[in-house]
Full PDB file with SEQRES, HELIX, SHEET, SSBOND, CRYST1, ORIGX, SCALE, CONECT and MASTER records, all heavy atoms in Angstrom:
SEQRES   1 A   32  GLU THR GLU ILE ALA SER ARG ASP LYS GLN ILE ASP LEU          
SEQRES   2 A   32  ILE GLU ALA ALA LYS GLN ALA GLU THR GLU ALA ILE ALA          
SEQRES   3 A   32  VAL ARG VAL SER ALA GLU                                      
HELIX    1 AA1 GLU A    3  ALA A   31  1                                  29    
CRYST1    1.000    1.000    1.000  90.00  90.00  90.00 P 1           1          
ORIGX1      1.000000  0.000000  0.000000        0.00000                         
ORIGX2      0.000000  1.000000  0.000000        0.00000                         
ORIGX3      0.000000  0.000000  1.000000        0.00000                         
SCALE1      1.000000  0.000000  0.000000        0.00000                         
SCALE2      0.000000  1.000000  0.000000        0.00000                         
SCALE3      0.000000  0.000000  1.000000        0.00000                         
ATOM      1  N   GLU A   1       0.842  -1.198   0.000  1.00  0.00           N  
ATOM      2  CA  GLU A   1       0.000   0.000   0.000  1.00  0.00           C  
ATOM      3  C   GLU A   1       0.874   1.242   0.000  1.00  0.00           C  
ATOM      4  O   GLU A   1       2.089   1.176   0.095  1.00  0.00           O  
ATOM      5  CB  GLU A   1      -0.928  -0.029   1.222  1.00  0.00           C  
ATOM      6  CG  GLU A   1      -1.889  -1.204   1.258  1.00  0.00           C  
ATOM      7  CD  GLU A   1      -2.889  -1.197   0.125  1.00  0.00           C  
ATOM      8  OE1 GLU A   1      -3.178  -0.104  -0.379  1.00  0.00           O  
ATOM      9  OE2 GLU A   1      -3.356  -2.263  -0.264  1.00  0.00           O  
ATOM     10  N   THR A   2       0.221   2.353   0.009  1.00  0.00           N  
ATOM     11  CA  THR A   2       0.901   3.658  -0.015  1.00  0.00           C  
ATOM     12  C   THR A   2       1.361   4.040   1.365  1.00  0.00           C  
ATOM     13  O   THR A   2       1.011   3.410   2.362  1.00  0.00           O  
ATOM     14  CB  THR A   2      -0.065   4.735  -0.545  1.00  0.00           C  
ATOM     15  OG1 THR A   2      -1.184   4.797   0.338  1.00  0.00           O  
ATOM     16  CG2 THR A   2      -0.538   4.416  -1.937  1.00  0.00           C  
ATOM     17  N   GLU A   3       2.138   5.069   1.443  1.00  0.00           N  
ATOM     18  CA  GLU A   3       2.723   5.529   2.705  1.00  0.00           C  
ATOM     19  C   GLU A   3       1.661   5.997   3.688  1.00  0.00           C  
ATOM     20  O   GLU A   3       1.769   5.766   4.895  1.00  0.00           O  
ATOM     21  CB  GLU A   3       3.697   6.685   2.417  1.00  0.00           C  
ATOM     22  CG  GLU A   3       4.386   7.234   3.656  1.00  0.00           C  
ATOM     23  CD  GLU A   3       5.257   8.410   3.308  1.00  0.00           C  
ATOM     24  OE1 GLU A   3       5.305   8.769   2.118  1.00  0.00           O  
ATOM     25  OE2 GLU A   3       5.860   8.978   4.231  1.00  0.00           O  
ATOM     26  N   ILE A   4       0.593   6.571   3.233  1.00  0.00           N  
ATOM     27  CA  ILE A   4      -0.435   7.118   4.137  1.00  0.00           C  
ATOM     28  C   ILE A   4      -1.165   6.004   4.860  1.00  0.00           C  
ATOM     29  O   ILE A   4      -1.356   6.044   6.080  1.00  0.00           O  
ATOM     30  CB  ILE A   4      -1.443   7.972   3.333  1.00  0.00           C  
ATOM     31  CG1 ILE A   4      -0.711   9.156   2.701  1.00  0.00           C  
ATOM     32  CG2 ILE A   4      -2.576   8.453   4.208  1.00  0.00           C  
ATOM     33  CD1 ILE A   4      -1.577   9.967   1.764  1.00  0.00           C  
ATOM     34  N   ALA A   5      -1.553   4.922   4.152  1.00  0.00           N  
ATOM     35  CA  ALA A   5      -2.265   3.811   4.772  1.00  0.00           C  
ATOM     36  C   ALA A   5      -1.363   3.108   5.789  1.00  0.00           C  
ATOM     37  O   ALA A   5      -1.800   2.744   6.880  1.00  0.00           O  
ATOM     38  CB  ALA A   5      -2.733   2.824   3.703  1.00  0.00           C  
ATOM     39  N   SER A   6      -0.072   2.940   5.437  1.00  0.00           N  
ATOM     40  CA  SER A   6       0.864   2.298   6.364  1.00  0.00           C  
ATOM     41  C   SER A   6       0.988   3.081   7.647  1.00  0.00           C  
ATOM     42  O   SER A   6       1.004   2.529   8.747  1.00  0.00           O  
ATOM     43  CB  SER A   6       2.218   2.155   5.681  1.00  0.00           C  
ATOM     44  OG  SER A   6       3.152   1.673   6.591  1.00  0.00           O  
ATOM     45  N   ARG A   7       1.148   4.391   7.542  1.00  0.00           N  
ATOM     46  CA  ARG A   7       1.303   5.231   8.734  1.00  0.00           C  
ATOM     47  C   ARG A   7       0.062   5.177   9.614  1.00  0.00           C  
ATOM     48  O   ARG A   7       0.144   5.108  10.842  1.00  0.00           O  
ATOM     49  CB  ARG A   7       1.604   6.680   8.314  1.00  0.00           C  
ATOM     50  CG  ARG A   7       1.920   7.575   9.494  1.00  0.00           C  
ATOM     51  CD  ARG A   7       2.232   8.990   9.045  1.00  0.00           C  
ATOM     52  NE  ARG A   7       3.472   9.005   8.270  1.00  0.00           N  
ATOM     53  CZ  ARG A   7       3.540   9.207   6.968  1.00  0.00           C  
ATOM     54  NH1 ARG A   7       2.426   9.404   6.271  1.00  0.00           N  
ATOM     55  NH2 ARG A   7       4.695   9.207   6.343  1.00  0.00           N  
ATOM     56  N   ASP A   8      -1.135   5.214   9.017  1.00  0.00           N  
ATOM     57  CA  ASP A   8      -2.374   5.167   9.809  1.00  0.00           C  
ATOM     58  C   ASP A   8      -2.492   3.853  10.580  1.00  0.00           C  
ATOM     59  O   ASP A   8      -2.834   3.837  11.776  1.00  0.00           O  
ATOM     60  CB  ASP A   8      -3.579   5.327   8.877  1.00  0.00           C  
ATOM     61  CG  ASP A   8      -3.629   6.740   8.298  1.00  0.00           C  
ATOM     62  OD1 ASP A   8      -3.004   7.643   8.921  1.00  0.00           O  
ATOM     63  OD2 ASP A   8      -4.267   6.931   7.253  1.00  0.00           O  
ATOM     64  N   LYS A   9      -2.219   2.736   9.905  1.00  0.00           N  
ATOM     65  CA  LYS A   9      -2.326   1.446  10.576  1.00  0.00           C  
ATOM     66  C   LYS A   9      -1.278   1.302  11.687  1.00  0.00           C  
ATOM     67  O   LYS A   9      -1.553   0.750  12.748  1.00  0.00           O  
ATOM     68  CB  LYS A   9      -2.171   0.316   9.561  1.00  0.00           C  
ATOM     69  CG  LYS A   9      -3.355   0.231   8.594  1.00  0.00           C  
ATOM     70  CD  LYS A   9      -3.174  -0.907   7.610  1.00  0.00           C  
ATOM     71  CE  LYS A   9      -4.362  -0.996   6.632  1.00  0.00           C  
ATOM     72  NZ  LYS A   9      -4.220  -2.097   5.661  1.00  0.00           N  
ATOM     73  N   GLN A  10      -0.077   1.811  11.432  1.00  0.00           N  
ATOM     74  CA  GLN A  10       0.968   1.730  12.454  1.00  0.00           C  
ATOM     75  C   GLN A  10       0.610   2.571  13.667  1.00  0.00           C  
ATOM     76  O   GLN A  10       0.875   2.194  14.810  1.00  0.00           O  
ATOM     77  CB  GLN A  10       2.325   2.192  11.881  1.00  0.00           C  
ATOM     78  CG  GLN A  10       3.495   1.944  12.808  1.00  0.00           C  
ATOM     79  CD  GLN A  10       3.682   0.478  13.052  1.00  0.00           C  
ATOM     80  OE1 GLN A  10       3.436  -0.328  12.173  1.00  0.00           O  
ATOM     81  NE2 GLN A  10       4.085   0.120  14.257  1.00  0.00           N  
ATOM     82  N   ILE A  11       0.017   3.736  13.439  1.00  0.00           N  
ATOM     83  CA  ILE A  11      -0.408   4.586  14.564  1.00  0.00           C  
ATOM     84  C   ILE A  11      -1.463   3.868  15.390  1.00  0.00           C  
ATOM     85  O   ILE A  11      -1.460   3.917  16.617  1.00  0.00           O  
ATOM     86  CB  ILE A  11      -0.925   5.939  14.030  1.00  0.00           C  
ATOM     87  CG1 ILE A  11       0.271   6.749  13.466  1.00  0.00           C  
ATOM     88  CG2 ILE A  11      -1.634   6.726  15.117  1.00  0.00           C  
ATOM     89  CD1 ILE A  11      -0.139   7.996  12.743  1.00  0.00           C  
ATOM     90  N   ASP A  12      -2.386   3.190  14.709  1.00  0.00           N  
ATOM     91  CA  ASP A  12      -3.403   2.416  15.453  1.00  0.00           C  
ATOM     92  C   ASP A  12      -2.749   1.331  16.297  1.00  0.00           C  
ATOM     93  O   ASP A  12      -3.146   1.087  17.450  1.00  0.00           O  
ATOM     94  CB  ASP A  12      -4.381   1.775  14.456  1.00  0.00           C  
ATOM     95  CG  ASP A  12      -5.228   2.848  13.750  1.00  0.00           C  
ATOM     96  OD1 ASP A  12      -5.325   3.969  14.315  1.00  0.00           O  
ATOM     97  OD2 ASP A  12      -5.749   2.577  12.658  1.00  0.00           O  
ATOM     98  N   LEU A  13      -1.716   0.684  15.726  1.00  0.00           N  
ATOM     99  CA  LEU A  13      -1.005  -0.342  16.462  1.00  0.00           C  
ATOM    100  C   LEU A  13      -0.324   0.233  17.701  1.00  0.00           C  
ATOM    101  O   LEU A  13      -0.378  -0.317  18.800  1.00  0.00           O  
ATOM    102  CB  LEU A  13       0.045  -1.010  15.552  1.00  0.00           C  
ATOM    103  CG  LEU A  13       0.940  -2.071  16.216  1.00  0.00           C  
ATOM    104  CD1 LEU A  13       0.110  -3.222  16.725  1.00  0.00           C  
ATOM    105  CD2 LEU A  13       1.993  -2.533  15.222  1.00  0.00           C  
ATOM    106  N   ILE A  14       0.307   1.360  17.555  1.00  0.00           N  
ATOM    107  CA  ILE A  14       0.996   2.009  18.689  1.00  0.00           C  
ATOM    108  C   ILE A  14      -0.008   2.410  19.752  1.00  0.00           C  
ATOM    109  O   ILE A  14       0.209   2.239  20.951  1.00  0.00           O  
ATOM    110  CB  ILE A  14       1.798   3.228  18.179  1.00  0.00           C  
ATOM    111  CG1 ILE A  14       2.929   2.741  17.266  1.00  0.00           C  
ATOM    112  CG2 ILE A  14       2.364   4.022  19.337  1.00  0.00           C  
ATOM    113  CD1 ILE A  14       3.616   3.850  16.518  1.00  0.00           C  
ATOM    114  N   GLU A  15      -1.153   2.978  19.324  1.00  0.00           N  
ATOM    115  CA  GLU A  15      -2.171   3.388  20.289  1.00  0.00           C  
ATOM    116  C   GLU A  15      -2.718   2.185  21.062  1.00  0.00           C  
ATOM    117  O   GLU A  15      -2.962   2.256  22.277  1.00  0.00           O  
ATOM    118  CB  GLU A  15      -3.311   4.100  19.553  1.00  0.00           C  
ATOM    119  CG  GLU A  15      -2.921   5.469  18.994  1.00  0.00           C  
ATOM    120  CD  GLU A  15      -2.550   6.442  20.090  1.00  0.00           C  
ATOM    121  OE1 GLU A  15      -3.066   6.300  21.212  1.00  0.00           O  
ATOM    122  OE2 GLU A  15      -1.743   7.348  19.835  1.00  0.00           O  
ATOM    123  N   ALA A  16      -2.907   1.063  20.345  1.00  0.00           N  
ATOM    124  CA  ALA A  16      -3.410  -0.133  21.028  1.00  0.00           C  
ATOM    125  C   ALA A  16      -2.408  -0.629  22.060  1.00  0.00           C  
ATOM    126  O   ALA A  16      -2.760  -0.975  23.198  1.00  0.00           O  
ATOM    127  CB  ALA A  16      -3.708  -1.230  20.007  1.00  0.00           C  
ATOM    128  N   ALA A  17      -1.120  -0.676  21.676  1.00  0.00           N  
ATOM    129  CA  ALA A  17      -0.095  -1.112  22.635  1.00  0.00           C  
ATOM    130  C   ALA A  17       0.000  -0.172  23.819  1.00  0.00           C  
ATOM    131  O   ALA A  17       0.154  -0.579  24.965  1.00  0.00           O  
ATOM    132  CB  ALA A  17       1.265  -1.210  21.921  1.00  0.00           C  
ATOM    133  N   LYS A  18      -0.087   1.111  23.535  1.00  0.00           N  
ATOM    134  CA  LYS A  18      -0.024   2.102  24.605  1.00  0.00           C  
ATOM    135  C   LYS A  18      -1.216   1.937  25.556  1.00  0.00           C  
ATOM    136  O   LYS A  18      -1.096   2.041  26.777  1.00  0.00           O  
ATOM    137  CB  LYS A  18      -0.002   3.513  23.991  1.00  0.00           C  
ATOM    138  CG  LYS A  18       0.236   4.612  25.006  1.00  0.00           C  
ATOM    139  CD  LYS A  18       0.095   5.977  24.362  1.00  0.00           C  
ATOM    140  CE  LYS A  18       1.144   6.145  23.287  1.00  0.00           C  
ATOM    141  NZ  LYS A  18       1.071   7.500  22.685  1.00  0.00           N  
ATOM    142  N   GLN A  19      -2.427   1.701  24.996  1.00  0.00           N  
ATOM    143  CA  GLN A  19      -3.628   1.533  25.822  1.00  0.00           C  
ATOM    144  C   GLN A  19      -3.480   0.312  26.737  1.00  0.00           C  
ATOM    145  O   GLN A  19      -3.770   0.368  27.938  1.00  0.00           O  
ATOM    146  CB  GLN A  19      -4.855   1.350  24.896  1.00  0.00           C  
ATOM    147  CG  GLN A  19      -6.191   1.243  25.632  1.00  0.00           C  
ATOM    148  CD  GLN A  19      -6.652   2.579  26.140  1.00  0.00           C  
ATOM    149  OE1 GLN A  19      -6.182   3.595  25.665  1.00  0.00           O  
ATOM    150  NE2 GLN A  19      -7.533   2.582  27.123  1.00  0.00           N  
ATOM    151  N   ALA A  20      -2.969  -0.776  26.156  1.00  0.00           N  
ATOM    152  CA  ALA A  20      -2.819  -1.990  26.953  1.00  0.00           C  
ATOM    153  C   ALA A  20      -1.784  -1.791  28.056  1.00  0.00           C  
ATOM    154  O   ALA A  20      -1.972  -2.195  29.206  1.00  0.00           O  
ATOM    155  CB  ALA A  20      -2.415  -3.154  26.052  1.00  0.00           C  
ATOM    156  N   GLU A  21      -0.705  -1.167  27.725  1.00  0.00           N  
ATOM    157  CA  GLU A  21       0.350  -0.940  28.724  1.00  0.00           C  
ATOM    158  C   GLU A  21      -0.134  -0.005  29.815  1.00  0.00           C  
ATOM    159  O   GLU A  21       0.151  -0.185  31.002  1.00  0.00           O  
ATOM    160  CB  GLU A  21       1.604  -0.370  28.032  1.00  0.00           C  
ATOM    161  CG  GLU A  21       2.826  -0.273  28.935  1.00  0.00           C  
ATOM    162  CD  GLU A  21       3.312  -1.628  29.330  1.00  0.00           C  
ATOM    163  OE1 GLU A  21       3.012  -2.610  28.603  1.00  0.00           O  
ATOM    164  OE2 GLU A  21       3.981  -1.733  30.375  1.00  0.00           O  
ATOM    165  N   THR A  22      -0.909   1.000  29.450  1.00  0.00           N  
ATOM    166  CA  THR A  22      -1.434   1.960  30.440  1.00  0.00           C  
ATOM    167  C   THR A  22      -2.376   1.262  31.407  1.00  0.00           C  
ATOM    168  O   THR A  22      -2.352   1.495  32.623  1.00  0.00           O  
ATOM    169  CB  THR A  22      -2.154   3.109  29.721  1.00  0.00           C  
ATOM    170  OG1 THR A  22      -1.230   3.706  28.810  1.00  0.00           O  
ATOM    171  CG2 THR A  22      -2.639   4.150  30.708  1.00  0.00           C  
ATOM    172  N   GLU A  23      -3.241   0.399  30.870  1.00  0.00           N  
ATOM    173  CA  GLU A  23      -4.171  -0.323  31.747  1.00  0.00           C  
ATOM    174  C   GLU A  23      -3.409  -1.238  32.708  1.00  0.00           C  
ATOM    175  O   GLU A  23      -3.736  -1.311  33.901  1.00  0.00           O  
ATOM    176  CB  GLU A  23      -5.133  -1.141  30.889  1.00  0.00           C  
ATOM    177  CG  GLU A  23      -6.121  -0.264  30.078  1.00  0.00           C  
ATOM    178  CD  GLU A  23      -6.998  -1.112  29.175  1.00  0.00           C  
ATOM    179  OE1 GLU A  23      -6.804  -2.347  29.162  1.00  0.00           O  
ATOM    180  OE2 GLU A  23      -7.881  -0.536  28.491  1.00  0.00           O  
ATOM    181  N   ALA A  24      -2.368  -1.909  32.182  1.00  0.00           N  
ATOM    182  CA  ALA A  24      -1.589  -2.794  33.051  1.00  0.00           C  
ATOM    183  C   ALA A  24      -0.895  -2.013  34.153  1.00  0.00           C  
ATOM    184  O   ALA A  24      -0.856  -2.414  35.310  1.00  0.00           O  
ATOM    185  CB  ALA A  24      -0.560  -3.562  32.222  1.00  0.00           C  
ATOM    186  N   ILE A  25      -0.349  -0.898  33.789  1.00  0.00           N  
ATOM    187  CA  ILE A  25       0.334  -0.052  34.789  1.00  0.00           C  
ATOM    188  C   ILE A  25      -0.659   0.452  35.818  1.00  0.00           C  
ATOM    189  O   ILE A  25      -0.378   0.505  37.020  1.00  0.00           O  
ATOM    190  CB  ILE A  25       1.066   1.100  34.082  1.00  0.00           C  
ATOM    191  CG1 ILE A  25       2.211   0.534  33.242  1.00  0.00           C  
ATOM    192  CG2 ILE A  25       1.587   2.092  35.085  1.00  0.00           C  
ATOM    193  CD1 ILE A  25       2.846   1.548  32.331  1.00  0.00           C  
ATOM    194  N   ALA A  26      -1.873   0.839  35.361  1.00  0.00           N  
ATOM    195  CA  ALA A  26      -2.887   1.349  36.301  1.00  0.00           C  
ATOM    196  C   ALA A  26      -3.282   0.269  37.304  1.00  0.00           C  
ATOM    197  O   ALA A  26      -3.403   0.527  38.510  1.00  0.00           O  
ATOM    198  CB  ALA A  26      -4.103   1.832  35.523  1.00  0.00           C  
ATOM    199  N   VAL A  27      -3.457  -0.948  36.816  1.00  0.00           N  
ATOM    200  CA  VAL A  27      -3.822  -2.050  37.715  1.00  0.00           C  
ATOM    201  C   VAL A  27      -2.697  -2.300  38.716  1.00  0.00           C  
ATOM    202  O   VAL A  27      -2.921  -2.487  39.916  1.00  0.00           O  
ATOM    203  CB  VAL A  27      -4.124  -3.323  36.897  1.00  0.00           C  
ATOM    204  CG1 VAL A  27      -4.327  -4.511  37.829  1.00  0.00           C  
ATOM    205  CG2 VAL A  27      -5.383  -3.107  36.054  1.00  0.00           C  
ATOM    206  N   ARG A  28      -1.442  -2.306  38.213  1.00  0.00           N  
ATOM    207  CA  ARG A  28      -0.308  -2.556  39.084  1.00  0.00           C  
ATOM    208  C   ARG A  28      -0.170  -1.469  40.144  1.00  0.00           C  
ATOM    209  O   ARG A  28       0.062  -1.721  41.323  1.00  0.00           O  
ATOM    210  CB  ARG A  28       0.983  -2.632  38.241  1.00  0.00           C  
ATOM    211  CG  ARG A  28       2.194  -3.098  39.035  1.00  0.00           C  
ATOM    212  CD  ARG A  28       3.409  -3.082  38.148  1.00  0.00           C  
ATOM    213  NE  ARG A  28       3.143  -3.830  36.922  1.00  0.00           N  
ATOM    214  CZ  ARG A  28       3.802  -3.648  35.776  1.00  0.00           C  
ATOM    215  NH1 ARG A  28       4.737  -2.733  35.706  1.00  0.00           N  
ATOM    216  NH2 ARG A  28       3.511  -4.389  34.708  1.00  0.00           N  
ATOM    217  N   VAL A  29      -0.307  -0.244  39.697  1.00  0.00           N  
ATOM    218  CA  VAL A  29      -0.195   0.877  40.640  1.00  0.00           C  
ATOM    219  C   VAL A  29      -1.316   0.808  41.668  1.00  0.00           C  
ATOM    220  O   VAL A  29      -1.129   1.066  42.858  1.00  0.00           O  
ATOM    221  CB  VAL A  29      -0.225   2.211  39.875  1.00  0.00           C  
ATOM    222  CG1 VAL A  29      -0.330   3.378  40.833  1.00  0.00           C  
ATOM    223  CG2 VAL A  29       1.016   2.335  39.019  1.00  0.00           C  
ATOM    224  N   SER A  30      -2.514   0.451  41.238  1.00  0.00           N  
ATOM    225  CA  SER A  30      -3.648   0.346  42.170  1.00  0.00           C  
ATOM    226  C   SER A  30      -3.395  -0.736  43.214  1.00  0.00           C  
ATOM    227  O   SER A  30      -3.627  -0.544  44.411  1.00  0.00           O  
ATOM    228  CB  SER A  30      -4.930   0.032  41.387  1.00  0.00           C  
ATOM    229  OG  SER A  30      -6.020  -0.154  42.268  1.00  0.00           O  
ATOM    230  N   ALA A  31      -2.870  -1.902  42.759  1.00  0.00           N  
ATOM    231  CA  ALA A  31      -2.585  -2.983  43.703  1.00  0.00           C  
ATOM    232  C   ALA A  31      -1.509  -2.576  44.707  1.00  0.00           C  
ATOM    233  O   ALA A  31      -1.621  -2.831  45.910  1.00  0.00           O  
ATOM    234  CB  ALA A  31      -2.148  -4.231  42.938  1.00  0.00           C  
ATOM    235  N   GLU A  32      -0.464  -1.938  44.206  1.00  0.00           N  
ATOM    236  CA  GLU A  32       0.596  -1.501  45.100  1.00  0.00           C  
ATOM    237  C   GLU A  32       0.092  -0.442  46.061  1.00  0.00           C  
ATOM    238  O   GLU A  32       0.495  -0.386  47.230  1.00  0.00           O  
ATOM    239  CB  GLU A  32       1.780  -0.958  44.279  1.00  0.00           C  
ATOM    240  CG  GLU A  32       2.498  -1.993  43.436  1.00  0.00           C  
ATOM    241  CD  GLU A  32       3.209  -3.007  44.303  1.00  0.00           C  
ATOM    242  OE1 GLU A  32       3.537  -2.688  45.454  1.00  0.00           O  
ATOM    243  OE2 GLU A  32       3.411  -4.148  43.830  1.00  0.00           O  
TER     244      GLU A  32                                                      
MASTER        0    0    0    1    0    0    0    6  243    1    0    3          
END                                                                             
């Protein structure tokens, strides 16, 4: 595909990873 579609999908991937990591950190911080 073109550069624009690649960048959009990669940003979605980064946002998903960031969301998952944030939730894990929030749970860990809450437990601690």
